[in-house]
N, C-alpha and C. Protein backbone atom coordinates (compact mmCIF):
# COMPACT_ATOMS: atom_id res chain seq x y z
N MET A 1 32.08 -25.28 116.17
CA MET A 1 32.45 -24.00 115.57
C MET A 1 31.98 -23.96 114.13
N ILE A 2 31.25 -22.89 113.72
CA ILE A 2 30.74 -22.77 112.37
C ILE A 2 31.71 -21.95 111.53
N LEU A 3 32.17 -22.54 110.42
CA LEU A 3 33.11 -21.85 109.55
C LEU A 3 32.36 -21.00 108.56
N ASN A 4 32.78 -19.76 108.41
CA ASN A 4 32.20 -18.86 107.42
C ASN A 4 32.95 -19.07 106.10
N LEU A 5 32.39 -19.94 105.24
CA LEU A 5 33.07 -20.32 104.02
C LEU A 5 33.28 -19.14 103.10
N GLU A 6 32.32 -18.24 103.09
CA GLU A 6 32.44 -17.06 102.23
C GLU A 6 33.63 -16.20 102.63
N SER A 7 33.80 -16.03 103.96
CA SER A 7 34.93 -15.23 104.45
C SER A 7 36.25 -15.90 104.15
N LEU A 8 36.28 -17.26 104.34
CA LEU A 8 37.52 -17.98 104.06
C LEU A 8 37.91 -17.90 102.59
N MET A 9 36.89 -18.03 101.72
CA MET A 9 37.17 -17.96 100.29
C MET A 9 37.65 -16.57 99.89
N LYS A 10 37.06 -15.55 100.51
CA LYS A 10 37.48 -14.17 100.22
C LYS A 10 38.90 -13.92 100.66
N GLU A 11 39.23 -14.45 101.87
CA GLU A 11 40.60 -14.28 102.39
C GLU A 11 41.61 -15.00 101.51
N GLU A 12 41.27 -16.23 101.06
CA GLU A 12 42.15 -16.98 100.18
C GLU A 12 42.35 -16.26 98.87
N SER A 13 41.28 -15.66 98.35
CA SER A 13 41.36 -14.92 97.10
C SER A 13 42.28 -13.72 97.23
N ASN A 14 42.17 -13.02 98.38
CA ASN A 14 43.02 -11.85 98.63
C ASN A 14 44.49 -12.25 98.67
N HIS A 15 44.77 -13.38 99.32
CA HIS A 15 46.15 -13.87 99.43
C HIS A 15 46.71 -14.21 98.05
N SER A 16 45.86 -14.82 97.21
CA SER A 16 46.33 -15.22 95.89
C SER A 16 46.62 -14.03 95.01
N GLN A 17 46.00 -12.87 95.34
CA GLN A 17 46.22 -11.69 94.53
C GLN A 17 47.42 -10.87 95.01
N GLU A 18 47.96 -11.22 96.16
CA GLU A 18 49.14 -10.53 96.65
C GLU A 18 50.32 -10.86 95.76
N LYS A 19 51.04 -9.85 95.34
CA LYS A 19 52.19 -10.05 94.45
C LYS A 19 53.43 -10.42 95.24
N PRO A 20 54.04 -11.56 94.95
CA PRO A 20 55.26 -11.94 95.65
C PRO A 20 56.38 -11.00 95.26
N MET A 21 57.43 -10.95 96.07
CA MET A 21 58.58 -10.10 95.76
C MET A 21 59.19 -10.52 94.44
N ASN A 22 59.47 -9.55 93.60
CA ASN A 22 60.09 -9.83 92.30
C ASN A 22 61.34 -10.68 92.51
N ASN A 23 61.50 -11.69 91.64
CA ASN A 23 62.61 -12.63 91.81
C ASN A 23 63.95 -11.90 91.79
N LYS A 24 64.12 -10.94 90.86
CA LYS A 24 65.36 -10.19 90.80
C LYS A 24 65.60 -9.41 92.09
N SER A 25 64.53 -8.84 92.63
CA SER A 25 64.66 -8.05 93.86
C SER A 25 65.11 -8.91 95.03
N SER A 26 64.54 -10.10 95.14
CA SER A 26 64.89 -10.97 96.26
C SER A 26 66.33 -11.49 96.12
N ILE A 27 66.73 -11.80 94.90
CA ILE A 27 68.11 -12.24 94.67
C ILE A 27 69.08 -11.09 94.96
N ARG A 28 68.71 -9.90 94.54
CA ARG A 28 69.56 -8.73 94.76
C ARG A 28 69.78 -8.48 96.23
N ILE A 29 68.71 -8.58 97.02
CA ILE A 29 68.80 -8.38 98.47
C ILE A 29 69.73 -9.42 99.09
N LYS A 30 69.52 -10.67 98.69
CA LYS A 30 70.32 -11.79 99.25
C LYS A 30 71.80 -11.61 98.94
N LEU A 31 72.12 -11.29 97.70
CA LEU A 31 73.53 -11.19 97.30
C LEU A 31 74.18 -9.92 97.83
N ASN A 32 73.41 -8.84 97.94
CA ASN A 32 73.96 -7.63 98.53
C ASN A 32 74.29 -7.84 100.01
N GLN A 33 73.45 -8.60 100.68
CA GLN A 33 73.71 -8.91 102.09
C GLN A 33 75.00 -9.71 102.25
N LYS A 34 75.23 -10.65 101.33
CA LYS A 34 76.47 -11.43 101.37
C LYS A 34 77.67 -10.51 101.15
N ARG A 35 77.58 -9.60 100.17
CA ARG A 35 78.69 -8.72 99.87
C ARG A 35 78.97 -7.76 101.03
N ASP A 36 77.90 -7.35 101.71
CA ASP A 36 78.04 -6.43 102.84
C ASP A 36 78.82 -7.03 103.99
N THR A 37 78.87 -8.35 104.07
CA THR A 37 79.57 -8.99 105.19
C THR A 37 81.09 -9.03 104.97
N LEU A 38 81.57 -8.69 103.79
CA LEU A 38 83.00 -8.71 103.54
C LEU A 38 83.71 -7.63 104.36
N THR A 39 84.85 -7.99 104.92
CA THR A 39 85.67 -7.01 105.60
C THR A 39 86.51 -6.25 104.57
N THR A 40 87.11 -5.17 105.03
CA THR A 40 87.98 -4.38 104.14
C THR A 40 89.13 -5.22 103.60
N ASP A 41 89.71 -6.06 104.47
CA ASP A 41 90.81 -6.92 104.04
C ASP A 41 90.35 -7.97 103.02
N GLN A 42 89.13 -8.49 103.21
CA GLN A 42 88.61 -9.49 102.28
C GLN A 42 88.35 -8.87 100.90
N VAL A 43 87.81 -7.67 100.90
CA VAL A 43 87.58 -6.97 99.63
C VAL A 43 88.89 -6.75 98.90
N LYS A 44 89.90 -6.31 99.66
CA LYS A 44 91.22 -6.06 99.06
C LYS A 44 91.83 -7.33 98.50
N GLN A 45 91.80 -8.41 99.28
CA GLN A 45 92.39 -9.67 98.86
C GLN A 45 91.69 -10.24 97.63
N LYS A 46 90.36 -10.31 97.67
CA LYS A 46 89.60 -10.88 96.57
C LYS A 46 89.71 -10.01 95.32
N SER A 47 89.72 -8.70 95.51
CA SER A 47 89.83 -7.79 94.37
C SER A 47 91.18 -7.95 93.69
N GLN A 48 92.23 -8.13 94.47
CA GLN A 48 93.56 -8.35 93.89
C GLN A 48 93.62 -9.66 93.10
N GLN A 49 92.92 -10.69 93.60
CA GLN A 49 92.87 -11.96 92.88
C GLN A 49 92.12 -11.79 91.55
N ILE A 50 91.04 -11.06 91.57
CA ILE A 50 90.26 -10.82 90.36
C ILE A 50 91.06 -10.01 89.37
N CYS A 51 91.70 -8.94 89.85
CA CYS A 51 92.50 -8.10 88.98
C CYS A 51 93.69 -8.85 88.38
N ALA A 52 94.25 -9.78 89.13
CA ALA A 52 95.34 -10.60 88.61
C ALA A 52 94.87 -11.44 87.43
N ASN A 53 93.64 -11.96 87.53
CA ASN A 53 93.07 -12.72 86.42
C ASN A 53 92.84 -11.83 85.19
N VAL A 54 92.42 -10.59 85.45
CA VAL A 54 92.23 -9.64 84.35
C VAL A 54 93.55 -9.33 83.68
N LEU A 55 94.56 -9.01 84.47
CA LEU A 55 95.87 -8.64 83.95
C LEU A 55 96.53 -9.77 83.16
N ALA A 56 96.19 -11.02 83.50
CA ALA A 56 96.78 -12.16 82.81
C ALA A 56 96.04 -12.53 81.53
N SER A 57 94.95 -11.86 81.26
CA SER A 57 94.11 -12.23 80.11
C SER A 57 94.53 -11.53 78.83
N ASP A 58 94.38 -12.24 77.71
CA ASP A 58 94.65 -11.63 76.41
C ASP A 58 93.64 -10.51 76.12
N ILE A 59 92.45 -10.69 76.61
CA ILE A 59 91.40 -9.68 76.39
C ILE A 59 91.83 -8.32 76.91
N PHE A 60 92.38 -8.29 78.10
CA PHE A 60 92.86 -7.03 78.68
C PHE A 60 94.09 -6.53 77.94
N ASN A 61 95.04 -7.41 77.72
CA ASN A 61 96.31 -7.00 77.13
C ASN A 61 96.16 -6.56 75.67
N ASN A 62 95.14 -7.04 74.98
CA ASN A 62 94.92 -6.66 73.60
C ASN A 62 93.99 -5.45 73.45
N SER A 63 93.53 -4.92 74.57
CA SER A 63 92.63 -3.76 74.55
C SER A 63 93.43 -2.48 74.79
N ASP A 64 93.07 -1.42 74.09
CA ASP A 64 93.71 -0.13 74.28
C ASP A 64 92.90 0.77 75.19
N CYS A 65 91.61 0.89 74.93
CA CYS A 65 90.74 1.74 75.72
C CYS A 65 89.82 0.88 76.57
N ILE A 66 89.88 1.06 77.87
CA ILE A 66 89.14 0.20 78.80
C ILE A 66 88.25 1.02 79.71
N ALA A 67 86.97 0.68 79.77
CA ALA A 67 86.03 1.33 80.68
C ALA A 67 86.05 0.60 82.01
N VAL A 68 86.22 1.37 83.06
CA VAL A 68 86.25 0.82 84.41
C VAL A 68 85.13 1.48 85.21
N TYR A 69 85.13 1.34 86.51
CA TYR A 69 84.11 1.97 87.35
C TYR A 69 84.71 2.29 88.72
N SER A 70 84.06 3.20 89.45
CA SER A 70 84.47 3.53 90.80
C SER A 70 83.71 2.62 91.76
N ALA A 71 84.41 1.77 92.48
CA ALA A 71 83.76 0.77 93.33
C ALA A 71 83.02 1.43 94.49
N LEU A 72 81.87 0.83 94.83
CA LEU A 72 81.03 1.32 95.91
C LEU A 72 80.45 0.13 96.64
N ASN A 73 80.30 0.27 97.96
CA ASN A 73 79.61 -0.77 98.75
C ASN A 73 80.23 -2.18 98.56
N ASN A 74 81.53 -2.26 98.71
CA ASN A 74 82.26 -3.53 98.63
C ASN A 74 82.28 -4.16 97.25
N GLU A 75 82.03 -3.38 96.20
CA GLU A 75 82.21 -3.89 94.85
C GLU A 75 83.68 -4.22 94.62
N VAL A 76 83.96 -5.03 93.63
CA VAL A 76 85.33 -5.37 93.29
C VAL A 76 86.11 -4.08 92.99
N ASP A 77 87.23 -3.90 93.67
CA ASP A 77 88.05 -2.70 93.52
C ASP A 77 89.04 -2.88 92.37
N LEU A 78 88.96 -1.97 91.40
CA LEU A 78 89.80 -2.08 90.20
C LEU A 78 91.02 -1.17 90.23
N SER A 79 91.28 -0.54 91.35
CA SER A 79 92.33 0.49 91.40
C SER A 79 93.69 0.01 90.97
N CYS A 80 94.01 -1.27 91.24
CA CYS A 80 95.35 -1.77 90.86
C CYS A 80 95.52 -1.90 89.36
N LEU A 81 94.41 -1.91 88.63
CA LEU A 81 94.51 -2.00 87.17
C LEU A 81 94.92 -0.67 86.53
N LEU A 82 94.68 0.41 87.24
CA LEU A 82 94.88 1.73 86.67
C LEU A 82 96.36 2.08 86.49
N GLN A 83 97.24 1.24 87.01
CA GLN A 83 98.68 1.45 86.82
C GLN A 83 99.15 0.93 85.46
N SER A 84 98.27 0.22 84.78
CA SER A 84 98.63 -0.34 83.49
C SER A 84 98.72 0.75 82.43
N ASN A 85 99.50 0.46 81.41
CA ASN A 85 99.68 1.43 80.34
C ASN A 85 98.52 1.34 79.34
N LYS A 86 97.35 1.76 79.79
CA LYS A 86 96.13 1.73 79.00
C LYS A 86 95.43 3.08 79.08
N SER A 87 94.48 3.29 78.18
CA SER A 87 93.62 4.47 78.26
C SER A 87 92.34 4.04 78.97
N PHE A 88 91.97 4.77 80.03
CA PHE A 88 90.82 4.39 80.83
C PHE A 88 89.72 5.44 80.76
N CYS A 89 88.50 4.99 80.97
CA CYS A 89 87.37 5.92 81.06
C CYS A 89 86.40 5.41 82.13
N LEU A 90 85.64 6.35 82.69
CA LEU A 90 84.71 6.06 83.76
C LEU A 90 83.29 6.51 83.36
N PRO A 91 82.27 5.80 83.86
CA PRO A 91 80.90 6.20 83.55
C PRO A 91 80.49 7.47 84.29
N VAL A 92 79.69 8.27 83.60
CA VAL A 92 79.14 9.50 84.16
C VAL A 92 77.62 9.46 83.92
N VAL A 93 76.82 9.56 85.00
CA VAL A 93 75.37 9.57 84.87
C VAL A 93 74.92 10.94 84.43
N GLN A 94 74.11 11.00 83.37
CA GLN A 94 73.65 12.26 82.84
C GLN A 94 72.26 12.60 83.35
N ALA A 95 71.83 13.82 83.06
CA ALA A 95 70.57 14.34 83.61
C ALA A 95 69.36 13.52 83.19
N ASP A 96 69.39 12.93 82.00
CA ASP A 96 68.26 12.16 81.49
C ASP A 96 68.35 10.68 81.85
N ASN A 97 69.14 10.37 82.89
CA ASN A 97 69.36 8.99 83.33
C ASN A 97 70.04 8.11 82.29
N ALA A 98 70.68 8.77 81.34
CA ALA A 98 71.56 8.06 80.40
C ALA A 98 72.95 8.01 81.02
N MET A 99 73.88 7.39 80.32
CA MET A 99 75.23 7.26 80.85
C MET A 99 76.20 7.51 79.69
N ALA A 100 77.31 8.15 80.02
CA ALA A 100 78.39 8.36 79.06
C ALA A 100 79.69 7.98 79.75
N PHE A 101 80.71 7.73 78.97
CA PHE A 101 82.03 7.43 79.55
C PHE A 101 82.97 8.58 79.25
N HIS A 102 83.69 9.01 80.30
CA HIS A 102 84.63 10.11 80.18
C HIS A 102 86.05 9.63 80.47
N HIS A 103 86.99 10.13 79.72
CA HIS A 103 88.39 9.77 79.92
C HIS A 103 88.81 10.11 81.34
N CYS A 104 89.68 9.28 81.90
CA CYS A 104 90.22 9.56 83.24
C CYS A 104 91.66 9.07 83.34
N ASP A 105 92.43 9.77 84.16
CA ASP A 105 93.80 9.34 84.49
C ASP A 105 94.09 9.79 85.91
N LYS A 106 95.33 9.67 86.33
CA LYS A 106 95.66 9.98 87.73
C LYS A 106 95.47 11.45 88.07
N ASN A 107 95.38 12.31 87.06
CA ASN A 107 95.23 13.73 87.32
C ASN A 107 93.79 14.23 87.20
N THR A 108 92.88 13.33 86.90
CA THR A 108 91.48 13.71 86.68
C THR A 108 90.83 14.13 88.00
N VAL A 109 90.14 15.28 87.97
CA VAL A 109 89.38 15.75 89.12
C VAL A 109 88.07 14.96 89.19
N MET A 110 87.74 14.45 90.37
CA MET A 110 86.56 13.62 90.54
C MET A 110 85.60 14.24 91.56
N SER A 111 84.32 13.92 91.39
CA SER A 111 83.32 14.31 92.39
C SER A 111 82.23 13.24 92.42
N LYS A 112 81.47 13.20 93.51
CA LYS A 112 80.45 12.18 93.67
C LYS A 112 79.15 12.59 92.98
N ASN A 113 78.51 11.61 92.34
CA ASN A 113 77.21 11.87 91.73
C ASN A 113 76.09 11.62 92.75
N LYS A 114 74.84 11.59 92.28
CA LYS A 114 73.70 11.45 93.19
C LYS A 114 73.65 10.10 93.92
N TYR A 115 74.41 9.13 93.40
CA TYR A 115 74.48 7.83 94.03
C TYR A 115 75.69 7.68 94.96
N GLY A 116 76.49 8.73 95.04
CA GLY A 116 77.70 8.68 95.85
C GLY A 116 78.87 8.04 95.15
N ILE A 117 78.76 7.91 93.81
CA ILE A 117 79.82 7.28 93.02
C ILE A 117 80.71 8.36 92.40
N LEU A 118 82.02 8.18 92.48
CA LEU A 118 82.95 9.16 91.93
C LEU A 118 82.92 9.16 90.40
N GLU A 119 82.88 10.39 89.84
CA GLU A 119 82.85 10.57 88.39
C GLU A 119 83.89 11.61 87.98
N PRO A 120 84.42 11.49 86.76
CA PRO A 120 85.34 12.50 86.25
C PRO A 120 84.61 13.83 86.03
N GLN A 121 85.26 14.92 86.37
CA GLN A 121 84.70 16.24 86.12
C GLN A 121 85.40 16.85 84.90
N ASN A 122 85.09 16.34 83.75
CA ASN A 122 85.66 16.88 82.52
C ASN A 122 84.68 16.63 81.37
N ASP A 123 84.97 17.16 80.22
CA ASP A 123 84.13 17.00 79.04
C ASP A 123 84.72 16.05 78.03
N LEU A 124 85.63 15.20 78.47
CA LEU A 124 86.35 14.32 77.56
C LEU A 124 85.58 13.01 77.37
N ILE A 125 84.48 13.10 76.62
CA ILE A 125 83.63 11.94 76.38
C ILE A 125 84.31 10.97 75.40
N VAL A 126 84.26 9.68 75.76
CA VAL A 126 84.83 8.65 74.92
C VAL A 126 83.69 7.99 74.14
N ALA A 127 83.81 7.96 72.82
CA ALA A 127 82.77 7.34 71.98
C ALA A 127 82.70 5.83 72.23
N THR A 128 81.51 5.30 72.13
CA THR A 128 81.30 3.85 72.37
C THR A 128 82.23 3.02 71.50
N LYS A 129 82.38 3.41 70.24
CA LYS A 129 83.18 2.62 69.29
C LYS A 129 84.65 2.56 69.70
N GLU A 130 85.08 3.48 70.56
CA GLU A 130 86.48 3.52 70.98
C GLU A 130 86.77 2.60 72.17
N ILE A 131 85.71 2.14 72.85
CA ILE A 131 85.89 1.31 74.04
C ILE A 131 86.07 -0.16 73.62
N ASP A 132 87.24 -0.69 73.85
CA ASP A 132 87.54 -2.09 73.48
C ASP A 132 86.99 -3.07 74.51
N LEU A 133 87.10 -2.69 75.76
CA LEU A 133 86.73 -3.58 76.88
C LEU A 133 86.04 -2.76 77.95
N CYS A 134 84.93 -3.27 78.46
CA CYS A 134 84.24 -2.61 79.56
C CYS A 134 84.17 -3.57 80.74
N LEU A 135 84.75 -3.18 81.87
CA LEU A 135 84.70 -3.95 83.10
C LEU A 135 83.47 -3.51 83.87
N VAL A 136 82.53 -4.42 84.04
CA VAL A 136 81.20 -4.07 84.53
C VAL A 136 80.98 -4.53 85.97
N PRO A 137 80.50 -3.65 86.83
CA PRO A 137 80.16 -4.07 88.20
C PRO A 137 78.87 -4.88 88.18
N LEU A 138 78.66 -5.69 89.18
CA LEU A 138 77.43 -6.47 89.24
C LEU A 138 77.10 -6.89 90.67
N VAL A 139 75.86 -7.32 90.83
CA VAL A 139 75.40 -7.87 92.10
C VAL A 139 75.39 -9.40 92.02
N GLY A 140 75.03 -9.92 90.84
CA GLY A 140 74.98 -11.36 90.66
C GLY A 140 75.18 -11.73 89.19
N PHE A 141 75.44 -13.01 88.94
CA PHE A 141 75.64 -13.48 87.57
C PHE A 141 75.35 -14.97 87.49
N ASN A 142 75.17 -15.46 86.26
CA ASN A 142 75.17 -16.90 86.04
C ASN A 142 76.12 -17.21 84.88
N ARG A 143 76.33 -18.47 84.61
CA ARG A 143 77.35 -18.89 83.65
C ARG A 143 76.93 -18.69 82.19
N GLN A 144 75.71 -18.29 81.99
CA GLN A 144 75.26 -17.96 80.66
C GLN A 144 75.55 -16.47 80.33
N GLY A 145 76.13 -15.76 81.28
CA GLY A 145 76.48 -14.37 81.06
C GLY A 145 75.38 -13.39 81.43
N HIS A 146 74.33 -13.88 82.09
CA HIS A 146 73.28 -13.00 82.55
C HIS A 146 73.75 -12.26 83.81
N ARG A 147 73.58 -10.97 83.79
CA ARG A 147 74.08 -10.12 84.87
C ARG A 147 72.92 -9.50 85.64
N LEU A 148 73.04 -9.51 86.96
CA LEU A 148 72.10 -8.79 87.83
C LEU A 148 72.81 -7.57 88.37
N GLY A 149 72.32 -6.37 88.02
CA GLY A 149 72.91 -5.15 88.53
C GLY A 149 72.07 -4.56 89.64
N MET A 150 72.22 -3.26 89.84
CA MET A 150 71.47 -2.60 90.92
C MET A 150 70.06 -2.21 90.49
N GLY A 151 69.72 -2.42 89.23
CA GLY A 151 68.35 -2.17 88.80
C GLY A 151 68.15 -0.87 88.04
N GLY A 152 69.22 -0.09 87.88
CA GLY A 152 69.09 1.18 87.18
C GLY A 152 69.04 1.05 85.67
N GLY A 153 69.60 -0.02 85.13
CA GLY A 153 69.58 -0.28 83.70
C GLY A 153 70.52 0.57 82.88
N TYR A 154 71.48 1.23 83.51
CA TYR A 154 72.38 2.14 82.79
C TYR A 154 73.22 1.40 81.75
N TYR A 155 73.84 0.29 82.17
CA TYR A 155 74.71 -0.45 81.23
C TYR A 155 73.87 -1.10 80.12
N ASP A 156 72.70 -1.57 80.46
CA ASP A 156 71.84 -2.21 79.45
C ASP A 156 71.45 -1.19 78.38
N ARG A 157 71.11 0.02 78.80
CA ARG A 157 70.72 1.04 77.83
C ARG A 157 71.92 1.48 77.00
N TYR A 158 73.05 1.68 77.66
CA TYR A 158 74.23 2.19 76.94
C TYR A 158 74.71 1.18 75.89
N PHE A 159 74.70 -0.09 76.24
CA PHE A 159 75.25 -1.11 75.32
C PHE A 159 74.14 -1.86 74.57
N ALA A 160 72.96 -1.28 74.48
CA ALA A 160 71.83 -1.95 73.83
C ALA A 160 72.12 -2.34 72.39
N GLN A 161 72.90 -1.51 71.68
CA GLN A 161 73.21 -1.77 70.28
C GLN A 161 74.63 -2.32 70.08
N ASN A 162 75.21 -2.78 71.18
CA ASN A 162 76.61 -3.20 71.12
C ASN A 162 76.87 -4.32 70.10
N LYS A 163 75.98 -5.30 70.06
CA LYS A 163 76.20 -6.46 69.19
C LYS A 163 76.11 -6.11 67.71
N THR A 164 75.51 -4.97 67.41
CA THR A 164 75.37 -4.58 66.01
C THR A 164 76.59 -3.82 65.50
N LYS A 165 77.51 -3.48 66.41
CA LYS A 165 78.70 -2.73 66.01
C LYS A 165 79.65 -3.64 65.22
N LYS A 166 80.44 -3.03 64.35
CA LYS A 166 81.41 -3.77 63.58
C LYS A 166 82.42 -4.45 64.50
N SER A 167 82.84 -3.73 65.53
CA SER A 167 83.75 -4.29 66.55
C SER A 167 83.13 -4.05 67.92
N PRO A 168 82.24 -4.95 68.37
CA PRO A 168 81.55 -4.75 69.65
C PRO A 168 82.52 -4.65 70.84
N THR A 169 82.17 -3.84 71.80
CA THR A 169 82.90 -3.77 73.05
C THR A 169 82.76 -5.09 73.80
N ILE A 170 83.85 -5.62 74.30
CA ILE A 170 83.80 -6.84 75.11
C ILE A 170 83.33 -6.44 76.51
N LEU A 171 82.27 -7.10 76.97
CA LEU A 171 81.70 -6.81 78.28
C LEU A 171 82.12 -7.86 79.28
N ALA A 172 82.83 -7.43 80.31
CA ALA A 172 83.39 -8.35 81.30
C ALA A 172 82.86 -8.05 82.69
N GLY A 173 82.22 -9.02 83.29
CA GLY A 173 81.71 -8.85 84.65
C GLY A 173 82.81 -9.05 85.67
N MET A 174 82.79 -8.23 86.70
CA MET A 174 83.79 -8.29 87.77
C MET A 174 83.09 -8.78 89.03
N ALA A 175 83.39 -10.02 89.43
CA ALA A 175 82.55 -10.67 90.44
C ALA A 175 83.34 -11.45 91.48
N TYR A 176 82.77 -11.51 92.66
CA TYR A 176 83.22 -12.46 93.67
C TYR A 176 82.54 -13.80 93.35
N ASP A 177 83.20 -14.89 93.68
CA ASP A 177 82.64 -16.21 93.32
C ASP A 177 81.28 -16.46 93.95
N PHE A 178 81.03 -15.90 95.14
CA PHE A 178 79.76 -16.15 95.83
C PHE A 178 78.59 -15.39 95.20
N GLN A 179 78.86 -14.55 94.22
CA GLN A 179 77.80 -13.81 93.54
C GLN A 179 77.14 -14.61 92.42
N GLU A 180 77.64 -15.82 92.19
CA GLU A 180 77.02 -16.66 91.17
C GLU A 180 75.67 -17.19 91.67
N ASP A 181 74.65 -17.06 90.83
CA ASP A 181 73.31 -17.56 91.18
C ASP A 181 72.63 -18.04 89.89
N ASP A 182 72.41 -19.35 89.79
CA ASP A 182 71.90 -19.90 88.55
C ASP A 182 70.40 -19.67 88.36
N THR A 183 69.75 -19.02 89.35
CA THR A 183 68.33 -18.71 89.19
C THR A 183 68.09 -17.37 88.51
N ILE A 184 69.16 -16.62 88.25
CA ILE A 184 69.01 -15.32 87.59
C ILE A 184 68.53 -15.55 86.17
N GLN A 185 67.49 -14.84 85.79
CA GLN A 185 66.92 -14.95 84.45
C GLN A 185 67.04 -13.63 83.73
N ALA A 186 67.30 -13.70 82.44
CA ALA A 186 67.48 -12.50 81.65
C ALA A 186 66.14 -11.97 81.14
N GLU A 187 66.02 -10.62 81.13
CA GLU A 187 64.88 -9.98 80.49
C GLU A 187 65.26 -9.66 79.07
N SER A 188 64.26 -9.31 78.27
CA SER A 188 64.52 -9.06 76.85
C SER A 188 65.48 -7.91 76.62
N TRP A 189 65.51 -6.95 77.57
CA TRP A 189 66.36 -5.77 77.42
C TRP A 189 67.74 -5.94 78.04
N ASP A 190 67.98 -7.04 78.73
CA ASP A 190 69.28 -7.22 79.40
C ASP A 190 70.38 -7.50 78.37
N VAL A 191 71.50 -6.86 78.58
CA VAL A 191 72.67 -7.08 77.72
C VAL A 191 73.59 -8.07 78.42
N GLY A 192 73.91 -9.16 77.76
CA GLY A 192 74.71 -10.22 78.37
C GLY A 192 76.20 -9.91 78.42
N LEU A 193 76.88 -10.61 79.30
CA LEU A 193 78.32 -10.50 79.45
C LEU A 193 79.02 -11.50 78.53
N ASP A 194 80.20 -11.12 78.08
CA ASP A 194 81.02 -12.01 77.26
C ASP A 194 81.94 -12.88 78.09
N ILE A 195 82.34 -12.34 79.22
CA ILE A 195 83.31 -13.01 80.09
C ILE A 195 83.10 -12.53 81.52
N ILE A 196 83.42 -13.37 82.49
CA ILE A 196 83.28 -12.98 83.89
C ILE A 196 84.58 -13.34 84.61
N PHE A 197 85.17 -12.36 85.26
CA PHE A 197 86.38 -12.57 86.06
C PHE A 197 85.96 -12.68 87.52
N THR A 198 86.30 -13.78 88.17
CA THR A 198 86.07 -13.92 89.60
C THR A 198 87.39 -14.13 90.31
N ASN A 199 87.37 -14.24 91.62
CA ASN A 199 88.58 -14.47 92.39
C ASN A 199 89.06 -15.93 92.28
N LYS A 200 88.25 -16.79 91.65
CA LYS A 200 88.62 -18.20 91.56
C LYS A 200 88.80 -18.70 90.12
N GLU A 201 88.16 -18.01 89.15
CA GLU A 201 88.21 -18.50 87.78
C GLU A 201 87.82 -17.41 86.79
N VAL A 202 88.00 -17.76 85.51
CA VAL A 202 87.56 -16.90 84.43
C VAL A 202 86.51 -17.69 83.66
N ILE A 203 85.33 -17.10 83.50
CA ILE A 203 84.20 -17.80 82.86
C ILE A 203 83.93 -17.15 81.50
N TYR A 204 84.05 -17.94 80.45
CA TYR A 204 83.77 -17.45 79.11
C TYR A 204 82.32 -17.80 78.76
N CYS A 205 81.55 -16.81 78.40
CA CYS A 205 80.13 -17.07 78.21
C CYS A 205 79.54 -16.38 76.99
N GLY A 206 80.34 -15.65 76.22
CA GLY A 206 79.79 -14.94 75.08
C GLY A 206 80.05 -15.66 73.76
N GLU A 207 79.45 -15.14 72.71
CA GLU A 207 79.58 -15.74 71.39
C GLU A 207 81.00 -15.59 70.85
N LYS A 208 81.77 -14.63 71.40
CA LYS A 208 83.11 -14.40 70.90
C LYS A 208 84.07 -15.53 71.21
N PHE A 209 83.71 -16.38 72.19
CA PHE A 209 84.67 -17.36 72.68
C PHE A 209 84.22 -18.79 72.40
C-alpha cells in the first residue's frame, strides 16, 4: 500500500488547526450536568444547609442591605433567607445587557426576564455603594475565589470597580460542594469572590479575611 504523505500531512495540519472546546465551556457543561441530576428534595436539603451557614456568619449578620438572586435550574435556593430582618435587592437585566439591583420584599411584583429569571417590577434601584453583601450564583468555583458563571459576565461588569470603593461589597458565592473545580482559571476581567458558602463548609478566599 502506497501512503500519500502529502495528504497525510495536510490532514494532520487540518486537525492541528481545529480549535478545542474552550476550557470554561467544557467545565461549565460538566458541572451543569452534575447540578441537573439533583432532585427537588436534594436541592431543598442542600440549599437549607448552605443558608444555615450564611445565617450563622458574621458577614450576613453585620450586613444591612443584601443582594440575592432568583434561583433557576437547580441553583442554590435562597428563599429561606428572605425571612431575615434585612433589606434585600434582586438583579434586573437592562436593555444594554447591563445589570442593576432593585429593592424587593414579600409584596414586590415579579415577572420573568428573557432568561426566565424572576425580576422585581419596580423602579427602586439600589445604588452599588448601599449593597453590603452580594450572594452570587455560580456554576463552579475554586478555593482562590475564582467563579465560573453562565458566561454572560453580568456580575463581572457590575462589580468591576468594586475593589476601588471605600467600602467594597462583599461577594459571596453560593455553591454545592461538588461545584468545586481546581482547573478553573480566572480571566483578567473576572471579579473574584471573597467567601464561598457550600453545604459542607465556608471557604474564605478574599483579601478581607
